[in-house]
Protein backbone atom coordinates (compact mmCIF):
# COMPACT_ATOMS: atom_id res chain seq x y z
CA MET A 1 -11.14 -9.79 11.70
CA GLU A 2 -15.19 -9.86 11.28
CA ALA A 3 -15.20 -6.14 12.53
CA TYR A 4 -12.49 -4.92 10.39
CA GLY A 5 -13.88 -6.47 7.86
CA GLN A 6 -17.38 -5.05 8.16
CA ILE A 7 -15.79 -1.48 8.63
CA LEU A 8 -13.60 -2.06 4.82
CA LEU A 9 -17.29 -2.61 3.07
CA ILE A 10 -17.75 0.73 3.69
CA ALA A 11 -14.23 2.35 3.71
CA MET A 12 -13.34 0.83 0.51
CA PRO A 13 -16.31 2.20 -1.81
CA ALA A 14 -15.98 5.31 0.08
CA PHE A 15 -11.80 5.30 -0.69
CA PHE A 16 -12.57 4.63 -4.28
CA VAL A 17 -15.42 7.08 -4.72
CA LEU A 18 -13.15 9.83 -3.52
CA VAL A 19 -10.36 8.83 -5.92
CA LEU A 20 -12.38 9.21 -8.61
CA PHE A 21 -13.79 12.38 -7.33
CA GLU A 22 -10.47 13.81 -7.52
CA LYS A 23 -9.71 12.48 -11.08
CA PHE A 24 -12.99 14.11 -12.29
CA TRP A 25 -12.04 17.23 -10.80
CA GLY A 26 -8.63 17.39 -11.68
CA MET A 27 -9.84 16.79 -15.65
CA TRP A 28 -12.12 19.19 -14.85
CA LYS A 29 -9.82 21.79 -13.69
CA GLY A 30 -7.43 20.86 -16.82
CA PHE A 31 -4.65 19.41 -13.70
CA ASP A 32 -5.81 15.84 -13.92
CA THR A 33 -2.93 14.14 -11.35
CA VAL A 34 -4.18 10.35 -11.45
CA PRO A 35 -3.67 8.75 -14.60
CA MET A 36 -5.36 5.43 -14.87
CA ASN A 37 -2.73 3.24 -15.32
CA ASP A 38 -1.34 4.63 -11.80
CA MET A 39 -4.27 4.47 -9.75
CA ILE A 40 -5.29 1.04 -10.56
CA SER A 41 -1.95 -0.54 -9.67
CA SER A 42 -2.38 1.99 -6.43
CA LEU A 43 -5.92 0.46 -5.82
CA SER A 44 -4.83 -3.42 -6.13
CA SER A 45 -1.91 -2.53 -3.64
CA GLY A 46 -4.84 -1.40 -1.67
CA ILE A 47 -7.01 -4.53 -2.24
CA THR A 48 -3.77 -6.98 -1.53
CA ASN A 49 -3.14 -4.59 1.59
CA VAL A 50 -6.13 -4.98 3.24
CA THR A 51 -6.75 -8.42 2.52
CA LYS A 52 -3.53 -9.67 4.49
CA ASP A 53 -4.64 -7.22 7.27
CA VAL A 54 -8.60 -8.72 7.58
CA LEU A 55 -6.89 -12.62 6.92
CA GLY A 56 -4.61 -11.59 9.64
CA LEU A 57 -1.42 -12.71 7.99
CA SER A 58 1.38 -10.75 10.36
CA ILE A 59 2.88 -11.50 13.20
CA VAL A 60 2.64 -9.09 16.26
CA VAL A 61 5.75 -9.01 18.42
CA ILE A 62 4.15 -7.46 21.58
CA SER A 63 0.89 -6.30 22.00
CA TYR A 64 -0.29 -3.75 23.55
CA SER A 65 -2.38 -5.47 25.59
CA TRP A 66 0.50 -7.40 26.91
CA LEU A 67 1.92 -3.64 27.21
CA HIS A 68 -0.90 -2.92 29.25
CA SER A 69 -1.05 -5.36 31.86
CA LYS A 70 2.82 -5.58 32.58
CA PHE A 71 3.26 -1.47 32.48
CA GLY A 72 -0.34 -0.13 33.41
CA PHE A 73 0.25 1.80 36.86
CA PHE A 74 -3.20 3.38 36.36
CA GLU A 75 -6.69 2.28 35.63
CA ILE A 76 -8.70 4.54 33.99
CA LYS A 77 -11.93 4.86 32.50
CA ALA A 78 -12.75 4.91 28.07
CA THR A 79 -13.76 8.66 28.70
CA TRP A 80 -13.02 11.01 25.86
CA LEU A 81 -9.80 12.19 27.23
CA VAL A 82 -8.63 8.85 27.23
CA TYR A 83 -9.40 9.00 23.48
CA LEU A 84 -7.39 11.59 22.90
CA ILE A 85 -4.48 10.65 24.42
CA ALA A 86 -4.48 7.58 22.83
CA PHE A 87 -4.80 9.67 20.01
CA PHE A 88 -1.89 11.64 20.37
CA ALA A 89 0.12 8.06 21.73
CA LEU A 90 -0.89 6.28 18.39
CA ASP A 91 0.98 9.29 16.34
CA PHE A 92 3.84 10.11 18.44
CA ALA A 93 4.55 6.21 18.13
CA GLY A 94 3.63 6.75 13.95
CA TYR A 95 5.94 9.50 13.48
CA TRP A 96 8.90 6.85 15.00
CA THR A 97 7.96 3.99 13.08
CA HIS A 98 7.22 5.78 9.87
CA ARG A 99 11.12 7.52 10.40
CA ILE A 100 12.77 4.28 11.29
CA ALA A 101 11.26 3.14 7.92
CA HIS A 102 13.18 5.50 6.17
CA GLU A 103 16.31 5.77 8.19
CA TYR A 104 16.92 1.33 7.93
CA ASN A 105 17.38 -0.65 5.44
CA ILE A 106 15.73 -3.47 6.62
CA PHE A 107 12.40 -1.33 7.24
CA TRP A 108 12.43 0.42 3.88
CA ASN A 109 11.20 -3.18 2.07
CA ASN A 110 7.39 -2.63 4.68
CA HIS A 111 7.26 1.46 3.35
CA ILE A 112 8.78 1.08 -0.08
CA ILE A 113 5.41 0.26 -1.73
CA HIS A 114 3.97 3.31 0.09
CA HIS A 115 6.33 5.69 -2.12
CA SER A 116 6.54 3.97 -5.18
CA SER A 117 4.40 6.02 -7.72
CA GLU A 118 5.83 8.68 -9.07
CA GLU A 119 2.28 10.52 -8.76
CA PHE A 120 0.80 12.34 -5.97
CA ASN A 121 -3.35 11.80 -5.59
CA LEU A 122 -5.58 10.01 -3.45
CA ALA A 123 -4.94 6.85 -4.51
CA CYS A 124 -1.39 6.77 -3.81
CA ALA A 125 -2.30 6.85 -0.06
CA LEU A 126 -3.79 3.56 -0.33
CA ARG A 127 -0.14 1.93 -1.64
CA GLN A 128 0.21 0.56 2.08
CA SER A 129 2.50 -2.86 2.37
CA ILE A 130 2.20 -6.59 2.60
CA SER A 131 5.50 -7.27 3.49
CA GLN A 132 5.05 -5.94 6.59
CA ILE A 133 4.93 -9.40 8.27
CA LEU A 134 6.31 -8.48 12.13
CA LYS A 135 5.27 -5.72 13.55
CA ILE A 136 7.14 -4.06 16.44
CA PHE A 137 4.29 -0.47 16.34
CA ALA A 138 2.89 -1.49 19.96
CA VAL A 139 6.34 -0.75 21.46
CA PHE A 140 6.56 3.15 20.98
CA LEU A 141 3.38 2.95 23.18
CA ILE A 142 4.75 2.18 25.89
CA PRO A 143 4.13 5.60 27.28
CA ALA A 144 0.45 4.72 26.44
CA ALA A 145 0.46 1.55 28.67
CA ILE A 146 2.05 3.52 31.25
CA LEU A 147 -1.15 5.91 31.95
CA GLY A 148 -3.42 3.20 31.38
CA VAL A 149 -5.58 3.70 28.45
CA PRO A 150 -7.45 0.58 27.99
CA ALA A 151 -6.58 -1.81 24.85
CA GLU A 152 -10.51 -1.28 23.65
CA VAL A 153 -9.93 2.51 23.14
CA ILE A 154 -6.51 1.93 20.96
CA ALA A 155 -8.16 -1.02 19.21
CA ILE A 156 -11.08 2.03 18.64
CA VAL A 157 -8.52 4.78 17.72
CA ALA A 158 -6.36 3.15 15.26
CA PRO A 159 -8.26 2.72 12.08
CA LEU A 160 -9.78 6.22 12.39
CA HIS A 161 -5.74 7.53 12.84
CA LEU A 162 -5.30 5.26 10.00
CA PHE A 163 -7.80 6.63 8.01
CA ALA A 164 -7.19 10.58 8.84
CA GLN A 165 -4.10 10.12 6.24
CA PHE A 166 -6.08 9.46 3.08
CA TRP A 167 -7.08 13.21 2.72
CA TYR A 168 -3.75 14.85 2.18
CA HIS A 169 -2.16 13.30 -0.75
CA THR A 170 -3.23 15.27 -3.16
CA ARG A 171 -2.04 18.48 -5.30
CA HIS A 172 -5.20 20.60 -5.32
CA ILE A 173 -5.13 21.96 -1.96
CA GLY A 174 -2.43 24.61 -0.81
CA LYS A 175 -0.92 25.70 1.96
CA MET A 176 -3.75 26.27 4.98
CA GLY A 177 -2.73 29.30 6.64
CA PHE A 178 -2.51 28.43 10.70
CA LEU A 179 -3.32 24.84 10.47
CA GLU A 180 0.60 24.59 8.62
CA LYS A 181 1.61 24.56 12.21
CA ILE A 182 -0.17 21.90 13.60
CA ILE A 183 -1.44 19.25 11.48
CA VAL A 184 0.00 17.71 8.65
CA THR A 185 -1.45 19.36 5.47
CA PRO A 186 -1.15 18.26 1.61
CA SER A 187 1.61 20.77 1.65
CA HIS A 188 3.62 18.75 4.53
CA HIS A 189 3.07 15.35 2.81
CA ARG A 190 3.83 16.48 -0.96
CA VAL A 191 7.44 17.27 0.73
CA HIS A 192 7.72 14.04 2.69
CA HIS A 193 6.82 12.52 -0.87
CA ALA A 194 9.71 14.37 -2.62
CA ILE A 195 12.88 12.86 -3.97
CA ASN A 196 14.20 16.28 -4.11
CA PRO A 197 17.26 16.49 -2.24
CA GLU A 198 15.84 19.31 -0.50
CA TYR A 199 13.08 17.35 0.33
CA LEU A 200 14.26 13.91 0.90
CA ASP A 201 13.62 12.73 4.30
CA LYS A 202 11.23 15.02 5.92
CA ASN A 203 7.61 15.80 7.37
CA TYR A 204 7.22 12.19 8.56
CA GLY A 205 4.16 13.29 10.90
CA GLN A 206 1.06 11.20 10.26
CA ILE A 207 -1.33 13.68 11.66
CA PHE A 208 0.07 16.03 14.05
CA ILE A 209 2.97 18.42 12.35
CA PHE A 210 4.80 19.54 15.89
CA TRP A 211 6.44 16.00 16.39
CA ASP A 212 9.21 17.17 12.93
CA ARG A 213 9.38 20.88 14.39
CA TRP A 214 10.40 19.24 17.59
CA PHE A 215 12.63 16.54 16.11
CA GLY A 216 14.39 18.14 13.33
CA THR A 217 12.84 16.73 10.49
CA PHE A 218 10.29 19.40 9.43
CA GLN A 219 10.61 21.06 5.84
CA ALA A 220 8.32 23.75 4.41
CA GLU A 221 7.44 23.26 0.66
CA ARG A 222 9.24 25.88 -1.46
CA GLU A 223 7.69 27.76 -4.33
CA ASP A 224 10.75 27.24 -6.11
CA ILE A 225 11.09 23.89 -6.09
CA PRO A 226 8.60 21.58 -7.21
CA PRO A 227 8.12 18.32 -5.70
CA VAL A 228 8.99 15.52 -7.89
CA TYR A 229 7.10 12.04 -6.27
CA GLY A 230 8.42 8.71 -6.34
CA VAL A 231 11.64 6.69 -4.91
CA THR A 232 15.41 7.13 -6.20
CA ARG A 233 15.86 3.71 -7.22
CA PRO A 234 12.48 3.54 -9.43
CA VAL A 235 10.13 0.63 -9.33
CA GLN A 236 9.26 0.41 -12.54
CA THR A 237 6.47 -1.99 -12.66
CA TRP A 238 2.93 -1.62 -12.30
CA ASN A 239 2.35 -4.83 -10.15
CA PRO A 240 1.91 -3.74 -6.25
CA ILE A 241 3.42 -7.62 -4.74
CA LYS A 242 6.86 -7.20 -6.72
CA ILE A 243 7.46 -3.88 -5.33
CA ASN A 244 6.75 -5.04 -1.82
CA PHE A 245 9.66 -7.39 -2.00
CA MET A 246 11.98 -5.73 -4.23
CA HIS A 247 14.28 -4.20 -1.63
CA LEU A 248 14.17 -6.97 0.75
CA TRP A 249 15.46 -9.09 -2.29
CA LEU A 250 18.45 -6.42 -3.60
CA LEU A 251 19.28 -6.78 0.21
CA ILE A 252 19.11 -10.67 -0.20
CA GLN A 253 21.07 -10.53 -3.18
CA ASP A 254 23.75 -7.76 -1.75
CA ALA A 255 24.42 -10.21 1.56
CA TRP A 256 24.71 -13.18 -0.56
CA ARG A 257 27.25 -11.50 -2.81
CA ALA A 258 29.37 -9.44 0.14
CA LYS A 259 33.11 -11.01 0.18
CA ASN A 260 32.86 -9.35 3.93
CA TRP A 261 31.01 -11.76 6.41
CA GLY A 262 30.90 -8.23 8.00
CA ASP A 263 28.87 -6.53 5.42
CA LYS A 264 26.54 -9.40 5.07
CA LEU A 265 24.91 -8.97 8.85
CA LYS A 266 25.62 -5.37 8.57
CA ILE A 267 23.57 -4.22 5.33
CA TRP A 268 20.79 -4.53 7.01
CA PHE A 269 20.99 -2.28 10.04
CA MET A 270 22.38 0.19 7.89
CA PRO A 271 20.85 3.61 6.66
CA LEU A 272 18.54 3.45 3.87
CA GLY A 273 21.02 3.13 0.73
CA TRP A 274 23.83 1.48 1.73
CA ARG A 275 25.43 -1.23 -0.14
CA PRO A 276 28.43 -3.39 0.79
CA ALA A 277 31.50 -0.84 -1.74
CA ASP A 278 32.92 -4.18 -3.53
CA VAL A 279 29.03 -5.17 -4.31
CA ALA A 280 28.15 -1.85 -5.40
CA ALA A 281 30.96 -1.77 -7.41
CA LYS A 282 30.64 -4.96 -9.24
CA HIS A 283 26.37 -4.83 -8.97
CA PRO A 284 25.44 -1.44 -9.69
CA VAL A 285 21.79 0.06 -9.57
CA TYR A 286 20.41 2.62 -11.41
CA LYS A 287 19.13 5.57 -9.34
CA ILE A 288 18.27 8.61 -10.26
CA GLN A 289 20.74 11.44 -10.21
CA ASP A 290 18.62 14.22 -11.97
CA VAL A 291 15.08 14.48 -10.09
CA TYR A 292 14.17 17.06 -13.32
CA HIS A 293 15.41 14.69 -15.97
CA PHE A 294 14.45 11.13 -15.83
CA GLU A 295 11.86 9.07 -17.50
CA LYS A 296 8.70 7.72 -15.59
CA TYR A 297 7.36 4.58 -16.39
CA ASN A 298 5.00 4.85 -18.40
CA PRO A 299 4.18 1.60 -20.88
CA VAL A 300 2.46 1.85 -23.59
CA LEU A 301 -1.10 1.12 -22.72
CA GLY A 302 -4.29 1.02 -25.41
CA LYS A 303 -7.34 2.23 -24.09
CA PRO A 304 -9.08 -1.44 -24.71
CA LEU A 305 -6.50 -2.95 -22.17
CA LEU A 306 -6.68 0.21 -19.81
CA VAL A 307 -10.28 -0.17 -19.86
CA TRP A 308 -10.00 -4.07 -19.48
CA SER A 309 -8.10 -3.44 -16.59
CA PHE A 310 -10.45 -1.07 -14.81
CA CYS A 311 -12.92 -3.50 -15.21
CA GLN A 312 -10.42 -6.13 -13.53
CA LEU A 313 -10.23 -4.06 -10.60
CA ILE A 314 -13.91 -3.17 -9.99
CA ALA A 315 -14.38 -7.10 -10.56
CA LEU A 316 -11.61 -8.22 -8.17
CA LEU A 317 -13.70 -5.31 -5.56
CA SER A 318 -16.82 -6.87 -5.89
CA LEU A 319 -15.26 -10.14 -4.83
CA LEU A 320 -13.81 -8.75 -2.05
CA SER A 321 -16.49 -7.20 -0.77
CA TYR A 322 -18.14 -10.62 -0.94
CA LEU A 323 -15.73 -12.05 1.21
CA PHE A 324 -15.56 -9.32 3.92
CA ALA A 325 -19.25 -9.42 3.93
CA ASN A 326 -19.30 -13.38 4.66
CA LEU A 327 -15.84 -14.28 6.39
CA ALA A 328 -17.54 -16.20 9.52
CA ALA A 329 -19.78 -17.75 6.82
CA ILE A 330 -16.59 -18.74 4.82
CA GLY A 331 -14.40 -19.11 8.18
CA ALA A 332 -10.90 -21.24 7.80
CA PRO A 333 -8.89 -22.58 6.22
CA GLY A 334 -11.62 -20.78 2.99
CA ILE A 335 -10.78 -17.44 3.66
CA PHE A 336 -7.13 -17.79 3.37
CA TYR A 337 -7.84 -19.85 0.08
CA TYR A 338 -10.31 -16.96 -0.58
CA GLY A 339 -7.24 -14.66 -0.51
CA GLY A 340 -4.69 -16.45 -2.46
CA PHE A 341 -7.17 -16.00 -5.45
CA VAL A 342 -7.28 -12.00 -4.16
CA PHE A 343 -3.24 -11.97 -4.60
CA LEU A 344 -2.87 -13.98 -7.96
CA THR A 345 -5.83 -11.70 -9.46
CA VAL A 346 -3.96 -8.70 -8.91
CA TYR A 347 -0.26 -10.21 -10.15
CA ALA A 348 -1.83 -11.59 -13.33
CA PHE A 349 -3.31 -8.21 -14.72
CA THR A 350 -0.68 -5.56 -13.26
CA GLU A 351 1.86 -8.32 -15.71
CA LEU A 352 -0.85 -7.49 -18.11
CA MET A 353 -0.66 -3.73 -17.48
CA ASP A 354 3.36 -3.73 -17.29
CA ARG A 355 3.35 -5.87 -21.12
CA ASN A 356 4.82 -9.00 -20.07
CA PRO A 357 4.34 -11.61 -22.76
CA LYS A 358 4.00 -14.00 -19.68
CA ALA A 359 1.19 -12.83 -18.09
CA TRP A 360 -1.49 -14.79 -19.64
CA VAL A 361 0.58 -17.98 -18.01
CA TRP A 362 -0.82 -15.67 -14.11
CA GLU A 363 -4.09 -15.71 -15.45
CA LEU A 364 -3.92 -19.26 -16.87
CA LEU A 365 -2.85 -19.78 -13.22
CA LYS A 366 -5.60 -17.97 -11.40
CA ALA A 367 -8.12 -19.39 -13.88
CA ALA A 368 -6.86 -22.79 -12.62
CA TYR A 369 -6.64 -21.89 -9.15
CA ALA A 370 -10.28 -20.84 -9.07
CA PHE A 371 -11.55 -23.81 -10.83
CA TYR A 372 -10.08 -26.18 -8.54
CA PHE A 373 -12.65 -24.95 -5.71
CA ILE A 374 -15.50 -24.78 -8.21
CA ILE A 375 -15.25 -28.31 -9.15
CA SER A 376 -14.43 -29.84 -5.92
CA THR A 377 -16.92 -27.85 -4.33
CA GLY A 378 -19.76 -27.42 -6.74
CA ASP A 379 -19.26 -23.99 -5.69
CA TRP A 380 -17.48 -21.13 -5.16
CA PHE A 381 -17.53 -20.39 -1.46
CA ASP A 382 -21.13 -21.14 -1.17
CA LEU A 383 -21.51 -17.97 -3.98
CA SER A 384 -24.72 -19.50 -5.21
CA LYS A 385 -26.46 -19.51 -1.86
CA VAL A 386 -26.25 -16.16 -1.42
CA PHE A 387 -26.26 -14.98 -5.17
CA PRO A 388 -28.55 -17.26 -7.14
CA GLY A 389 -26.67 -17.01 -10.07
CA GLY A 390 -23.43 -15.86 -9.20
CA LEU A 391 -21.46 -19.11 -10.19
CA SER A 392 -22.45 -18.92 -13.29
CA ILE A 393 -21.11 -14.77 -13.82
CA PHE A 394 -18.48 -16.02 -11.81
CA VAL A 395 -17.53 -18.36 -14.36
CA GLY A 396 -17.98 -16.36 -17.08
CA TYR A 397 -15.68 -14.09 -15.76
CA LEU A 398 -12.95 -16.58 -15.44
CA LEU A 399 -13.21 -17.30 -19.10
CA VAL A 400 -13.09 -13.84 -20.50
CA SER A 401 -10.40 -12.72 -18.17
CA PHE A 402 -8.40 -15.74 -19.18
CA VAL A 403 -9.44 -15.28 -23.92
CA LEU A 404 -8.65 -11.33 -22.69
CA SER A 405 -5.15 -11.88 -21.59
CA LEU A 406 -4.49 -14.76 -24.16
CA TRP A 407 -5.34 -11.98 -26.42
CA PHE A 408 -4.00 -8.70 -24.86
CA SER A 409 -0.30 -11.02 -24.44
CA PHE A 410 -0.11 -11.91 -28.20
CA ARG A 411 -1.29 -8.67 -29.98
CA LYS A 412 1.00 -5.91 -28.52
CA GLU A 413 0.74 -4.37 -32.03
CA SER A 414 -2.84 -3.77 -31.67
CA LEU A 415 -1.98 -1.77 -28.25
CA GLU A 416 -0.22 0.39 -29.93
CA LEU A 417 -2.48 1.18 -32.42
CA ALA A 418 -5.46 1.52 -30.12
CA SER A 419 -3.82 4.06 -28.36
């Protein structure tokens, strides 16, 4: 937990700088692929994901350490070759877990957030799940366990393997020659994120593309078919917490409404998109039919609200960095209370971006939550001890945030004039 938090203290600002670089590069080239509202939503999703991971809010059904102890027929030392084998093993496991997420209803809920952006940029790479509570990834690492790859090697290689999937989420890099046959490139991944019929459910590879070539899921990007991004059932929100659970909610509703008991159970394990016939007839769900003619989700946001949303993002990144830097000092259960504030903040300001007239209620709940801890402890998780004057700044932020949330919630006409 603490080690991962320290890694993220370096990784978060690095990713943020790269996202901004892509934004400014696109503006300079006259091809801006990073709309501010989309970027803020994506980075907010990344914040919720890393908070969940650092706090360990998931259950590992089968750990790699257990597999290694049960299936490891060899004992090998951690040489460079072992690290290489581990990297390939992780990528093989990643291919299959990724593919399963796209092919079965019950697993899609864990992955929909990553495909929810109707843009394709570095920021959308950070749209990662908070709904994946049960982790079965280690099952696909049985070959590595049999070969005797030590658990500590997997622990080191796994974050590197994850971070290596960031760079190819861009539209600014074309095809890359012979590398197209070996690794996943931006061209390959543009296909994967596209909802064009020709591109759906293709290119599941995470680092190496030859898995797709071997298992029949490869599709090259075609010049005559420009990729269109998103999901065929549009999420219609900037709120990443809502996105994380909307498919699950649909499945629950469909299972409840289905008359046939077999369908109530069957729906969870059927191919993605399957719905009981009686439910689909009575409760249709909008699905994009023509990917070249649909309206992207883009509620009118005035410049003041857009700027304030970006300021909220910066404030939250600063507060999150404080949490990750002081995990041991804050300790449990404090870190979980702090995580609750992070989630409330994301929910509140993304609801405001959605132009929800009741967004101020979430902001009030966030402020009340924070003030409860400030009043009951006299501080905000020892902030004033680490940063003299920090508590006053934090209280000021809470008050300003609430006042502006009220203003933007009730003065919508000013937003339209400002835009």
